[in-house]
Amino acid sequence: MAPRIEPFERHARAYEAWFHRHLYAYASELEAVRSLLPPGEGVEVGVGSGRFAGPLGIRRGVEPSARMRGLARRRGIDAVAGVAEHLPFADRSVDFVLMVTTICFVDDPARAVAEAYRVLRPGGRLLVGFVDRESPLGRRYEAHKAGHPFYSVATFFSAREVEELLRAAGLESVEFRQTLFSELDELTGPEPTLDGHGQGSFVVVSGRRPYDRP
């Protein structure tokens, strides 16, 4: 079993518990993603247990962990086996691709973004949600990676690094949203979603595949 898949197979209960324990953080992240989610037919790559795809109305997902796929299917997601670097979809077949924290667990981030570009229709968008390594939460996660069931196999990125991955793949019209400005355990309600990055710990970046030239 691949090292980055094993934690999700072994610790599915702990994964699910995070969303119950941090309901306001979860709601904030969902709203940040929703603020950039375009209409149309899309897929979530690294769909996990369907915690984002389900509420966002995304019916298809790709997930390498069998345990996670089973949980996603219980939430009504058509979750298929696969990895971000080799998506089981035809060229130009979807309007958007969503990855939430997936970029931190793929073996080849550049290849994963290139695959998303391949399956996007012209004008389609890739959305990447992640914890900014340069934020307070990101610095804490980075500092306490050793021994953690999930963070120990994660690679954390800054907002600029993710933007560079999107632009290198040919995506344009890059937009940012950010949320989670307070400590997770101190939240008394959902956090706002703001444009840009550099203040919030959770960032969503969106890039568009260019339209075909006549």
N, C-alpha and C. Protein backbone atom coordinates (compact mmCIF):
# COMPACT_ATOMS: atom_id res chain seq x y z
N MET A 1 0.84 -1.20 0.00
CA MET A 1 0.00 0.00 0.00
C MET A 1 0.88 1.25 0.00
N ALA A 2 0.54 2.23 -0.84
CA ALA A 2 1.33 3.46 -0.91
C ALA A 2 1.30 4.18 0.43
N PRO A 3 2.45 4.72 0.87
CA PRO A 3 2.52 5.37 2.18
C PRO A 3 1.50 6.48 2.39
N ARG A 4 1.16 7.23 1.33
CA ARG A 4 0.24 8.35 1.50
C ARG A 4 -1.22 7.90 1.51
N ILE A 5 -1.49 6.67 1.13
CA ILE A 5 -2.85 6.13 1.19
C ILE A 5 -3.11 5.45 2.53
N GLU A 6 -2.08 4.82 3.07
CA GLU A 6 -2.24 4.01 4.28
C GLU A 6 -2.91 4.74 5.43
N PRO A 7 -2.56 6.00 5.74
CA PRO A 7 -3.23 6.66 6.87
C PRO A 7 -4.74 6.74 6.71
N PHE A 8 -5.22 6.92 5.48
CA PHE A 8 -6.66 7.04 5.25
C PHE A 8 -7.36 5.69 5.35
N GLU A 9 -6.62 4.62 5.09
CA GLU A 9 -7.17 3.28 5.28
C GLU A 9 -7.24 2.94 6.77
N ARG A 10 -6.20 3.30 7.50
CA ARG A 10 -6.08 2.90 8.90
C ARG A 10 -6.81 3.83 9.86
N HIS A 11 -6.96 5.10 9.48
CA HIS A 11 -7.47 6.10 10.43
C HIS A 11 -8.71 6.81 9.91
N ALA A 12 -9.57 6.08 9.22
CA ALA A 12 -10.79 6.68 8.66
C ALA A 12 -11.66 7.28 9.75
N ARG A 13 -11.72 6.63 10.90
CA ARG A 13 -12.55 7.15 11.99
C ARG A 13 -12.03 8.50 12.50
N ALA A 14 -10.72 8.60 12.62
CA ALA A 14 -10.13 9.86 13.07
C ALA A 14 -10.34 10.96 12.03
N TYR A 15 -10.27 10.59 10.76
CA TYR A 15 -10.52 11.55 9.67
C TYR A 15 -11.93 12.12 9.79
N GLU A 16 -12.90 11.26 9.96
CA GLU A 16 -14.28 11.71 10.08
C GLU A 16 -14.50 12.52 11.36
N ALA A 17 -13.82 12.14 12.42
CA ALA A 17 -14.01 12.83 13.70
C ALA A 17 -13.58 14.29 13.62
N TRP A 18 -12.59 14.60 12.76
CA TRP A 18 -12.13 15.98 12.64
C TRP A 18 -13.29 16.89 12.24
N PHE A 19 -14.13 16.45 11.33
CA PHE A 19 -15.22 17.29 10.84
C PHE A 19 -16.28 17.51 11.92
N HIS A 20 -16.48 16.55 12.79
CA HIS A 20 -17.42 16.71 13.89
C HIS A 20 -16.85 17.65 14.96
N ARG A 21 -15.55 17.52 15.19
CA ARG A 21 -14.91 18.31 16.24
C ARG A 21 -14.73 19.76 15.82
N HIS A 22 -14.61 20.00 14.51
CA HIS A 22 -14.34 21.36 14.01
C HIS A 22 -15.43 21.77 13.01
N LEU A 23 -16.66 21.77 13.47
CA LEU A 23 -17.79 22.05 12.58
C LEU A 23 -17.70 23.45 11.96
N TYR A 24 -17.26 24.43 12.72
CA TYR A 24 -17.19 25.79 12.19
C TYR A 24 -16.06 25.92 11.16
N ALA A 25 -14.95 25.27 11.42
CA ALA A 25 -13.86 25.30 10.44
C ALA A 25 -14.29 24.61 9.15
N TYR A 26 -14.96 23.49 9.29
CA TYR A 26 -15.47 22.75 8.13
C TYR A 26 -16.45 23.61 7.33
N ALA A 27 -17.38 24.26 8.02
CA ALA A 27 -18.34 25.13 7.34
C ALA A 27 -17.63 26.28 6.63
N SER A 28 -16.58 26.81 7.24
CA SER A 28 -15.83 27.91 6.63
C SER A 28 -15.13 27.45 5.37
N GLU A 29 -14.52 26.29 5.42
CA GLU A 29 -13.83 25.76 4.25
C GLU A 29 -14.81 25.48 3.11
N LEU A 30 -15.95 24.90 3.45
CA LEU A 30 -16.97 24.64 2.44
C LEU A 30 -17.39 25.92 1.73
N GLU A 31 -17.60 26.97 2.49
CA GLU A 31 -18.06 28.23 1.90
C GLU A 31 -16.98 28.85 1.02
N ALA A 32 -15.73 28.72 1.43
CA ALA A 32 -14.63 29.25 0.62
C ALA A 32 -14.56 28.53 -0.73
N VAL A 33 -14.72 27.22 -0.70
CA VAL A 33 -14.73 26.45 -1.96
C VAL A 33 -15.94 26.84 -2.80
N ARG A 34 -17.10 26.92 -2.16
CA ARG A 34 -18.35 27.24 -2.88
C ARG A 34 -18.26 28.60 -3.57
N SER A 35 -17.53 29.53 -2.98
CA SER A 35 -17.45 30.89 -3.53
C SER A 35 -16.76 30.92 -4.89
N LEU A 36 -15.97 29.90 -5.21
CA LEU A 36 -15.27 29.85 -6.49
C LEU A 36 -15.76 28.72 -7.39
N LEU A 37 -16.68 27.91 -6.91
CA LEU A 37 -17.11 26.73 -7.66
C LEU A 37 -17.98 27.15 -8.84
N PRO A 38 -17.56 26.80 -10.06
CA PRO A 38 -18.37 27.19 -11.23
C PRO A 38 -19.53 26.24 -11.44
N PRO A 39 -20.50 26.62 -12.25
CA PRO A 39 -21.58 25.69 -12.60
C PRO A 39 -21.07 24.62 -13.55
N GLY A 40 -21.87 23.60 -13.74
CA GLY A 40 -21.52 22.58 -14.72
C GLY A 40 -21.23 21.24 -14.09
N GLU A 41 -20.66 20.35 -14.88
CA GLU A 41 -20.38 18.97 -14.49
C GLU A 41 -18.93 18.87 -14.03
N GLY A 42 -18.74 18.48 -12.79
CA GLY A 42 -17.38 18.42 -12.26
C GLY A 42 -17.08 17.15 -11.53
N VAL A 43 -15.85 17.05 -11.04
CA VAL A 43 -15.39 15.88 -10.31
C VAL A 43 -14.46 16.35 -9.19
N GLU A 44 -14.52 15.67 -8.04
CA GLU A 44 -13.55 15.94 -6.98
C GLU A 44 -12.50 14.85 -7.00
N VAL A 45 -11.25 15.26 -7.08
CA VAL A 45 -10.11 14.34 -7.10
C VAL A 45 -9.53 14.28 -5.70
N GLY A 46 -9.42 13.06 -5.16
CA GLY A 46 -9.09 12.91 -3.76
C GLY A 46 -10.33 13.21 -2.94
N VAL A 47 -11.43 12.58 -3.36
CA VAL A 47 -12.74 12.92 -2.78
C VAL A 47 -12.86 12.52 -1.32
N GLY A 48 -11.96 11.63 -0.84
CA GLY A 48 -12.04 11.21 0.56
C GLY A 48 -13.36 10.57 0.87
N SER A 49 -13.98 10.98 1.96
CA SER A 49 -15.26 10.40 2.37
C SER A 49 -16.45 11.17 1.83
N GLY A 50 -16.20 12.12 0.94
CA GLY A 50 -17.28 12.89 0.33
C GLY A 50 -17.73 14.09 1.13
N ARG A 51 -16.92 14.52 2.09
CA ARG A 51 -17.31 15.63 2.96
C ARG A 51 -17.48 16.96 2.21
N PHE A 52 -16.78 17.11 1.09
CA PHE A 52 -16.94 18.33 0.29
C PHE A 52 -17.84 18.07 -0.91
N ALA A 53 -17.60 17.00 -1.62
CA ALA A 53 -18.39 16.71 -2.82
C ALA A 53 -19.89 16.66 -2.50
N GLY A 54 -20.25 16.00 -1.41
CA GLY A 54 -21.66 15.84 -1.07
C GLY A 54 -22.39 17.17 -0.92
N PRO A 55 -21.98 18.03 0.02
CA PRO A 55 -22.68 19.30 0.21
C PRO A 55 -22.59 20.23 -1.00
N LEU A 56 -21.55 20.06 -1.82
CA LEU A 56 -21.38 20.95 -2.97
C LEU A 56 -22.09 20.43 -4.22
N GLY A 57 -22.74 19.29 -4.10
CA GLY A 57 -23.50 18.76 -5.22
C GLY A 57 -22.66 18.11 -6.32
N ILE A 58 -21.43 17.72 -5.97
CA ILE A 58 -20.56 17.04 -6.93
C ILE A 58 -20.81 15.55 -6.83
N ARG A 59 -21.19 14.95 -7.92
CA ARG A 59 -21.65 13.56 -7.90
C ARG A 59 -20.57 12.55 -8.23
N ARG A 60 -19.42 12.99 -8.74
CA ARG A 60 -18.36 12.06 -9.11
C ARG A 60 -17.08 12.38 -8.37
N GLY A 61 -16.33 11.32 -8.03
CA GLY A 61 -15.08 11.52 -7.34
C GLY A 61 -14.06 10.44 -7.69
N VAL A 62 -12.81 10.77 -7.48
CA VAL A 62 -11.69 9.83 -7.66
C VAL A 62 -10.99 9.71 -6.32
N GLU A 63 -10.69 8.50 -5.88
CA GLU A 63 -10.10 8.30 -4.56
C GLU A 63 -9.30 6.99 -4.54
N PRO A 64 -8.02 7.05 -4.15
CA PRO A 64 -7.21 5.83 -4.12
C PRO A 64 -7.47 4.92 -2.92
N SER A 65 -8.02 5.47 -1.84
CA SER A 65 -8.26 4.68 -0.63
C SER A 65 -9.61 3.97 -0.71
N ALA A 66 -9.60 2.65 -0.63
CA ALA A 66 -10.85 1.88 -0.68
C ALA A 66 -11.76 2.23 0.48
N ARG A 67 -11.17 2.45 1.65
CA ARG A 67 -11.98 2.79 2.83
C ARG A 67 -12.70 4.12 2.62
N MET A 68 -11.99 5.10 2.10
CA MET A 68 -12.59 6.40 1.84
C MET A 68 -13.65 6.31 0.74
N ARG A 69 -13.36 5.54 -0.30
CA ARG A 69 -14.34 5.40 -1.38
C ARG A 69 -15.66 4.85 -0.85
N GLY A 70 -15.57 3.88 0.05
CA GLY A 70 -16.78 3.31 0.62
C GLY A 70 -17.60 4.34 1.37
N LEU A 71 -16.93 5.21 2.13
CA LEU A 71 -17.63 6.26 2.87
C LEU A 71 -18.25 7.27 1.91
N ALA A 72 -17.51 7.61 0.85
CA ALA A 72 -18.05 8.56 -0.13
C ALA A 72 -19.29 8.00 -0.82
N ARG A 73 -19.26 6.73 -1.13
CA ARG A 73 -20.42 6.12 -1.80
C ARG A 73 -21.65 6.14 -0.91
N ARG A 74 -21.44 6.04 0.40
CA ARG A 74 -22.58 6.13 1.32
C ARG A 74 -23.20 7.52 1.29
N ARG A 75 -22.41 8.51 0.87
CA ARG A 75 -22.92 9.88 0.76
C ARG A 75 -23.43 10.17 -0.65
N GLY A 76 -23.57 9.13 -1.45
CA GLY A 76 -24.16 9.30 -2.77
C GLY A 76 -23.19 9.70 -3.86
N ILE A 77 -21.88 9.59 -3.59
CA ILE A 77 -20.88 9.97 -4.57
C ILE A 77 -20.47 8.75 -5.39
N ASP A 78 -20.41 8.91 -6.69
CA ASP A 78 -19.89 7.85 -7.57
C ASP A 78 -18.37 7.92 -7.51
N ALA A 79 -17.80 7.29 -6.49
CA ALA A 79 -16.36 7.35 -6.24
C ALA A 79 -15.67 6.16 -6.89
N VAL A 80 -14.70 6.45 -7.75
CA VAL A 80 -13.97 5.41 -8.47
C VAL A 80 -12.52 5.40 -8.02
N ALA A 81 -11.88 4.26 -8.16
CA ALA A 81 -10.48 4.13 -7.80
C ALA A 81 -9.61 4.89 -8.80
N GLY A 82 -8.59 5.54 -8.31
CA GLY A 82 -7.68 6.26 -9.19
C GLY A 82 -6.83 7.24 -8.40
N VAL A 83 -5.84 7.81 -9.07
CA VAL A 83 -4.96 8.79 -8.45
C VAL A 83 -4.96 10.06 -9.29
N ALA A 84 -4.56 11.15 -8.70
CA ALA A 84 -4.62 12.45 -9.36
C ALA A 84 -3.71 12.52 -10.58
N GLU A 85 -2.63 11.75 -10.56
CA GLU A 85 -1.67 11.80 -11.67
C GLU A 85 -2.14 11.03 -12.91
N HIS A 86 -3.16 10.21 -12.76
CA HIS A 86 -3.67 9.40 -13.89
C HIS A 86 -5.20 9.32 -13.76
N LEU A 87 -5.89 10.36 -14.15
CA LEU A 87 -7.33 10.42 -13.97
C LEU A 87 -8.05 9.54 -15.00
N PRO A 88 -9.06 8.80 -14.55
CA PRO A 88 -9.79 7.89 -15.44
C PRO A 88 -10.90 8.58 -16.23
N PHE A 89 -10.56 9.72 -16.85
CA PHE A 89 -11.53 10.49 -17.61
C PHE A 89 -10.94 10.90 -18.95
N ALA A 90 -11.81 11.11 -19.92
CA ALA A 90 -11.39 11.50 -21.25
C ALA A 90 -10.93 12.96 -21.27
N ASP A 91 -10.16 13.31 -22.26
CA ASP A 91 -9.76 14.70 -22.47
C ASP A 91 -11.00 15.59 -22.59
N ARG A 92 -10.92 16.79 -22.02
CA ARG A 92 -11.95 17.81 -22.18
C ARG A 92 -13.35 17.29 -21.85
N SER A 93 -13.48 16.62 -20.72
CA SER A 93 -14.74 15.96 -20.40
C SER A 93 -15.50 16.55 -19.22
N VAL A 94 -14.89 17.49 -18.46
CA VAL A 94 -15.57 18.05 -17.28
C VAL A 94 -15.42 19.57 -17.27
N ASP A 95 -16.34 20.23 -16.56
CA ASP A 95 -16.32 21.69 -16.45
C ASP A 95 -15.43 22.18 -15.31
N PHE A 96 -15.24 21.35 -14.31
CA PHE A 96 -14.33 21.73 -13.23
C PHE A 96 -13.77 20.50 -12.53
N VAL A 97 -12.60 20.69 -11.94
CA VAL A 97 -11.96 19.69 -11.10
C VAL A 97 -11.70 20.34 -9.75
N LEU A 98 -12.10 19.67 -8.69
CA LEU A 98 -11.86 20.16 -7.33
C LEU A 98 -10.89 19.23 -6.61
N MET A 99 -9.92 19.82 -5.94
CA MET A 99 -9.02 19.08 -5.05
C MET A 99 -8.98 19.83 -3.72
N VAL A 100 -9.39 19.17 -2.65
CA VAL A 100 -9.33 19.79 -1.32
C VAL A 100 -8.32 19.02 -0.47
N THR A 101 -7.23 19.66 -0.14
CA THR A 101 -6.06 19.11 0.57
C THR A 101 -5.37 17.98 -0.20
N THR A 102 -5.91 17.58 -1.33
CA THR A 102 -5.32 16.50 -2.12
C THR A 102 -3.90 16.81 -2.55
N ILE A 103 -3.63 18.06 -2.90
CA ILE A 103 -2.32 18.44 -3.40
C ILE A 103 -1.21 18.09 -2.40
N CYS A 104 -1.57 18.03 -1.13
CA CYS A 104 -0.59 17.74 -0.07
C CYS A 104 -0.21 16.26 -0.02
N PHE A 105 -0.99 15.41 -0.68
CA PHE A 105 -0.78 13.97 -0.55
C PHE A 105 -0.47 13.27 -1.87
N VAL A 106 -0.39 14.00 -2.97
CA VAL A 106 -0.05 13.36 -4.24
C VAL A 106 1.46 13.18 -4.35
N ASP A 107 1.86 12.21 -5.15
CA ASP A 107 3.29 11.96 -5.33
C ASP A 107 3.94 12.96 -6.28
N ASP A 108 3.18 13.45 -7.27
CA ASP A 108 3.72 14.35 -8.28
C ASP A 108 2.72 15.49 -8.51
N PRO A 109 2.82 16.58 -7.75
CA PRO A 109 1.85 17.67 -7.86
C PRO A 109 1.76 18.26 -9.25
N ALA A 110 2.88 18.43 -9.94
CA ALA A 110 2.85 19.01 -11.27
C ALA A 110 2.08 18.12 -12.23
N ARG A 111 2.30 16.81 -12.12
CA ARG A 111 1.58 15.87 -12.97
C ARG A 111 0.08 15.89 -12.66
N ALA A 112 -0.25 16.00 -11.37
CA ALA A 112 -1.67 16.04 -10.97
C ALA A 112 -2.37 17.25 -11.57
N VAL A 113 -1.72 18.40 -11.54
CA VAL A 113 -2.33 19.61 -12.11
C VAL A 113 -2.42 19.48 -13.62
N ALA A 114 -1.41 18.89 -14.25
CA ALA A 114 -1.45 18.70 -15.70
C ALA A 114 -2.60 17.77 -16.10
N GLU A 115 -2.87 16.75 -15.29
CA GLU A 115 -3.98 15.85 -15.56
C GLU A 115 -5.32 16.57 -15.42
N ALA A 116 -5.42 17.42 -14.42
CA ALA A 116 -6.64 18.21 -14.28
C ALA A 116 -6.86 19.08 -15.51
N TYR A 117 -5.80 19.71 -15.98
CA TYR A 117 -5.88 20.52 -17.20
C TYR A 117 -6.37 19.67 -18.37
N ARG A 118 -5.84 18.47 -18.49
CA ARG A 118 -6.20 17.60 -19.62
C ARG A 118 -7.69 17.31 -19.66
N VAL A 119 -8.30 17.03 -18.51
CA VAL A 119 -9.71 16.62 -18.51
C VAL A 119 -10.68 17.80 -18.51
N LEU A 120 -10.17 19.01 -18.30
CA LEU A 120 -11.03 20.19 -18.31
C LEU A 120 -11.43 20.56 -19.72
N ARG A 121 -12.68 20.96 -19.88
CA ARG A 121 -13.11 21.57 -21.13
C ARG A 121 -12.51 22.98 -21.22
N PRO A 122 -12.32 23.51 -22.43
CA PRO A 122 -11.87 24.91 -22.54
C PRO A 122 -12.79 25.84 -21.75
N GLY A 123 -12.20 26.67 -20.92
CA GLY A 123 -12.97 27.54 -20.04
C GLY A 123 -13.27 26.91 -18.69
N GLY A 124 -12.96 25.61 -18.55
CA GLY A 124 -13.18 24.93 -17.28
C GLY A 124 -12.15 25.33 -16.23
N ARG A 125 -12.46 25.05 -14.98
CA ARG A 125 -11.60 25.51 -13.90
C ARG A 125 -11.14 24.39 -12.97
N LEU A 126 -9.90 24.51 -12.53
CA LEU A 126 -9.35 23.69 -11.46
C LEU A 126 -9.38 24.51 -10.18
N LEU A 127 -9.94 23.93 -9.10
CA LEU A 127 -9.93 24.55 -7.78
C LEU A 127 -9.11 23.69 -6.84
N VAL A 128 -8.17 24.31 -6.15
CA VAL A 128 -7.31 23.60 -5.20
C VAL A 128 -7.48 24.26 -3.83
N GLY A 129 -7.98 23.50 -2.86
CA GLY A 129 -8.10 23.98 -1.48
C GLY A 129 -7.01 23.35 -0.64
N PHE A 130 -6.38 24.14 0.23
CA PHE A 130 -5.25 23.63 1.00
C PHE A 130 -4.97 24.54 2.19
N VAL A 131 -4.23 24.02 3.14
CA VAL A 131 -3.74 24.83 4.26
C VAL A 131 -2.43 25.47 3.83
N ASP A 132 -2.41 26.80 3.83
CA ASP A 132 -1.22 27.55 3.42
C ASP A 132 -0.08 27.30 4.40
N ARG A 133 1.04 26.79 3.88
CA ARG A 133 2.18 26.48 4.74
C ARG A 133 2.68 27.71 5.50
N GLU A 134 2.49 28.89 4.95
CA GLU A 134 3.00 30.11 5.58
C GLU A 134 2.03 30.73 6.57
N SER A 135 0.87 30.11 6.76
CA SER A 135 -0.11 30.60 7.73
C SER A 135 0.20 30.04 9.12
N PRO A 136 -0.42 30.58 10.17
CA PRO A 136 -0.18 30.03 11.51
C PRO A 136 -0.52 28.55 11.60
N LEU A 137 -1.63 28.14 11.03
CA LEU A 137 -2.01 26.73 11.09
C LEU A 137 -1.04 25.89 10.27
N GLY A 138 -0.65 26.37 9.10
CA GLY A 138 0.28 25.64 8.27
C GLY A 138 1.63 25.46 8.94
N ARG A 139 2.11 26.50 9.61
CA ARG A 139 3.39 26.39 10.32
C ARG A 139 3.30 25.39 11.45
N ARG A 140 2.15 25.35 12.12
CA ARG A 140 1.98 24.39 13.20
C ARG A 140 1.93 22.96 12.66
N TYR A 141 1.19 22.76 11.59
CA TYR A 141 1.13 21.42 10.99
C TYR A 141 2.53 20.97 10.56
N GLU A 142 3.28 21.88 9.95
CA GLU A 142 4.62 21.54 9.48
C GLU A 142 5.53 21.18 10.65
N ALA A 143 5.40 21.92 11.74
CA ALA A 143 6.27 21.70 12.90
C ALA A 143 5.96 20.42 13.64
N HIS A 144 4.73 19.91 13.50
CA HIS A 144 4.32 18.73 14.24
C HIS A 144 3.99 17.55 13.33
N LYS A 145 4.68 17.49 12.19
CA LYS A 145 4.44 16.42 11.24
C LYS A 145 4.83 15.04 11.78
N ALA A 146 5.96 15.00 12.45
CA ALA A 146 6.52 13.71 12.87
C ALA A 146 5.54 12.96 13.77
N GLY A 147 5.22 11.74 13.37
CA GLY A 147 4.36 10.89 14.17
C GLY A 147 2.88 11.11 13.99
N HIS A 148 2.49 12.17 13.29
CA HIS A 148 1.06 12.42 13.09
C HIS A 148 0.53 11.45 12.03
N PRO A 149 -0.66 10.89 12.24
CA PRO A 149 -1.16 9.88 11.29
C PRO A 149 -1.35 10.41 9.87
N PHE A 150 -1.63 11.69 9.70
CA PHE A 150 -1.84 12.24 8.36
C PHE A 150 -0.73 13.19 7.94
N TYR A 151 -0.37 14.15 8.79
CA TYR A 151 0.60 15.17 8.41
C TYR A 151 1.97 14.59 8.13
N SER A 152 2.31 13.46 8.74
CA SER A 152 3.64 12.89 8.56
C SER A 152 3.94 12.53 7.12
N VAL A 153 2.91 12.28 6.31
CA VAL A 153 3.13 11.93 4.90
C VAL A 153 2.68 13.07 3.98
N ALA A 154 2.37 14.23 4.54
CA ALA A 154 1.89 15.36 3.74
C ALA A 154 3.04 16.28 3.35
N THR A 155 2.87 16.95 2.23
CA THR A 155 3.77 18.01 1.79
C THR A 155 2.96 19.30 1.73
N PHE A 156 3.33 20.25 2.57
CA PHE A 156 2.56 21.49 2.63
C PHE A 156 3.14 22.52 1.66
N PHE A 157 2.25 23.32 1.07
CA PHE A 157 2.63 24.31 0.07
C PHE A 157 2.19 25.70 0.49
N SER A 158 2.91 26.69 -0.02
CA SER A 158 2.47 28.07 0.14
C SER A 158 1.50 28.41 -0.98
N ALA A 159 0.77 29.49 -0.81
CA ALA A 159 -0.19 29.91 -1.84
C ALA A 159 0.53 30.22 -3.14
N ARG A 160 1.69 30.84 -3.08
CA ARG A 160 2.44 31.17 -4.29
C ARG A 160 2.93 29.90 -5.00
N GLU A 161 3.32 28.91 -4.25
CA GLU A 161 3.77 27.65 -4.87
C GLU A 161 2.63 26.97 -5.62
N VAL A 162 1.44 26.97 -5.04
CA VAL A 162 0.30 26.37 -5.73
C VAL A 162 -0.05 27.18 -6.96
N GLU A 163 -0.01 28.50 -6.85
CA GLU A 163 -0.26 29.34 -8.02
C GLU A 163 0.73 29.02 -9.14
N GLU A 164 1.99 28.84 -8.79
CA GLU A 164 3.01 28.51 -9.79
C GLU A 164 2.73 27.18 -10.47
N LEU A 165 2.23 26.20 -9.71
CA LEU A 165 1.87 24.92 -10.31
C LEU A 165 0.76 25.09 -11.35
N LEU A 166 -0.24 25.89 -11.02
CA LEU A 166 -1.35 26.11 -11.95
C LEU A 166 -0.88 26.85 -13.20
N ARG A 167 -0.11 27.88 -13.02
CA ARG A 167 0.35 28.66 -14.18
C ARG A 167 1.29 27.85 -15.06
N ALA A 168 2.14 27.02 -14.44
CA ALA A 168 3.06 26.20 -15.22
C ALA A 168 2.32 25.20 -16.09
N ALA A 169 1.13 24.77 -15.66
CA ALA A 169 0.32 23.83 -16.43
C ALA A 169 -0.45 24.51 -17.54
N GLY A 170 -0.46 25.84 -17.56
CA GLY A 170 -1.16 26.58 -18.61
C GLY A 170 -2.47 27.19 -18.17
N LEU A 171 -2.81 27.08 -16.89
CA LEU A 171 -4.04 27.67 -16.38
C LEU A 171 -3.88 29.18 -16.21
N GLU A 172 -4.96 29.91 -16.41
CA GLU A 172 -4.91 31.37 -16.36
C GLU A 172 -6.06 31.91 -15.51
N SER A 173 -6.18 33.24 -15.45
CA SER A 173 -7.25 33.90 -14.68
C SER A 173 -7.31 33.34 -13.26
N VAL A 174 -6.17 33.33 -12.60
CA VAL A 174 -6.06 32.73 -11.27
C VAL A 174 -6.73 33.64 -10.23
N GLU A 175 -7.55 33.02 -9.37
CA GLU A 175 -8.25 33.73 -8.30
C GLU A 175 -7.99 33.02 -6.97
N PHE A 176 -8.04 33.80 -5.88
CA PHE A 176 -7.83 33.26 -4.54
C PHE A 176 -9.00 33.62 -3.63
N ARG A 177 -9.32 32.70 -2.73
CA ARG A 177 -10.18 32.97 -1.59
C ARG A 177 -9.49 32.43 -0.35
N GLN A 178 -9.76 33.03 0.81
CA GLN A 178 -9.15 32.59 2.06
C GLN A 178 -10.14 32.66 3.20
N THR A 179 -9.91 31.78 4.18
CA THR A 179 -10.74 31.77 5.39
C THR A 179 -9.91 31.17 6.53
N LEU A 180 -10.52 31.01 7.68
CA LEU A 180 -9.86 30.54 8.91
C LEU A 180 -8.78 31.52 9.37
N PHE A 181 -9.23 32.57 10.01
CA PHE A 181 -8.35 33.63 10.51
C PHE A 181 -8.06 33.50 12.00
N SER A 182 -8.76 32.56 12.65
CA SER A 182 -8.60 32.37 14.09
C SER A 182 -8.16 30.94 14.37
N GLU A 183 -7.78 30.68 15.61
CA GLU A 183 -7.45 29.32 16.02
C GLU A 183 -8.69 28.44 15.91
N LEU A 184 -8.51 27.21 15.44
CA LEU A 184 -9.66 26.34 15.21
C LEU A 184 -10.48 26.10 16.47
N ASP A 185 -9.81 25.93 17.59
CA ASP A 185 -10.52 25.62 18.83
C ASP A 185 -11.18 26.85 19.45
N GLU A 186 -10.94 28.02 18.88
CA GLU A 186 -11.50 29.25 19.42
C GLU A 186 -12.67 29.77 18.58
N LEU A 187 -13.03 29.08 17.52
CA LEU A 187 -14.10 29.55 16.65
C LEU A 187 -15.45 29.46 17.36
N THR A 188 -16.25 30.51 17.23
CA THR A 188 -17.60 30.52 17.79
C THR A 188 -18.66 30.52 16.69
N GLY A 189 -18.21 30.44 15.45
CA GLY A 189 -19.10 30.40 14.29
C GLY A 189 -18.24 30.32 13.05
N PRO A 190 -18.87 30.14 11.89
CA PRO A 190 -18.09 30.10 10.64
C PRO A 190 -17.33 31.40 10.42
N GLU A 191 -16.16 31.29 9.83
CA GLU A 191 -15.34 32.45 9.50
C GLU A 191 -15.75 33.00 8.14
N PRO A 192 -15.48 34.27 7.89
CA PRO A 192 -15.81 34.85 6.58
C PRO A 192 -14.88 34.31 5.49
N THR A 193 -15.31 34.46 4.25
CA THR A 193 -14.48 34.18 3.08
C THR A 193 -14.08 35.50 2.46
N LEU A 194 -12.77 35.70 2.31
CA LEU A 194 -12.24 36.95 1.75
C LEU A 194 -11.43 36.66 0.49
N ASP A 195 -11.32 37.66 -0.37
CA ASP A 195 -10.46 37.53 -1.54
C ASP A 195 -9.00 37.46 -1.11
N GLY A 196 -8.18 36.90 -1.99
CA GLY A 196 -6.74 36.92 -1.78
C GLY A 196 -6.23 35.82 -0.87
N HIS A 197 -5.00 36.01 -0.41
CA HIS A 197 -4.37 35.06 0.51
C HIS A 197 -3.36 35.82 1.35
N GLY A 198 -2.83 35.16 2.37
CA GLY A 198 -1.84 35.79 3.23
C GLY A 198 -2.34 36.08 4.63
N GLN A 199 -3.65 35.94 4.85
CA GLN A 199 -4.21 36.13 6.18
C GLN A 199 -4.88 34.86 6.70
N GLY A 200 -5.65 34.21 5.86
CA GLY A 200 -6.36 33.00 6.27
C GLY A 200 -5.49 31.76 6.14
N SER A 201 -5.76 30.79 7.00
CA SER A 201 -4.98 29.55 6.97
C SER A 201 -5.43 28.60 5.88
N PHE A 202 -6.71 28.67 5.51
CA PHE A 202 -7.22 27.81 4.43
C PHE A 202 -7.42 28.67 3.19
N VAL A 203 -6.83 28.23 2.09
CA VAL A 203 -6.84 28.99 0.84
C VAL A 203 -7.41 28.12 -0.27
N VAL A 204 -8.20 28.74 -1.13
CA VAL A 204 -8.67 28.09 -2.36
C VAL A 204 -8.15 28.92 -3.52
N VAL A 205 -7.47 28.26 -4.45
CA VAL A 205 -6.99 28.93 -5.65
C VAL A 205 -7.66 28.28 -6.85
N SER A 206 -8.09 29.09 -7.78
CA SER A 206 -8.79 28.62 -8.98
C SER A 206 -8.09 29.15 -10.21
N GLY A 207 -7.88 28.25 -11.19
CA GLY A 207 -7.31 28.64 -12.47
C GLY A 207 -8.14 28.09 -13.61
N ARG A 208 -8.21 28.82 -14.71
CA ARG A 208 -9.05 28.46 -15.85
C ARG A 208 -8.23 27.93 -17.01
N ARG A 209 -8.72 26.85 -17.62
CA ARG A 209 -8.13 26.40 -18.87
C ARG A 209 -8.53 27.38 -19.96
N PRO A 210 -7.59 27.88 -20.76
CA PRO A 210 -7.93 28.87 -21.78
C PRO A 210 -8.94 28.33 -22.79
N TYR A 211 -9.73 29.23 -23.34
CA TYR A 211 -10.63 28.87 -24.43
C TYR A 211 -9.82 28.63 -25.70
N ASP A 212 -10.33 27.76 -26.54
CA ASP A 212 -9.66 27.53 -27.82
C ASP A 212 -9.71 28.79 -28.66
N ARG A 213 -8.63 29.07 -29.36
CA ARG A 213 -8.60 30.22 -30.25
C ARG A 213 -9.24 29.83 -31.59
N PRO A 214 -10.00 30.74 -32.16
CA PRO A 214 -10.65 30.43 -33.45
C PRO A 214 -9.60 30.24 -34.57
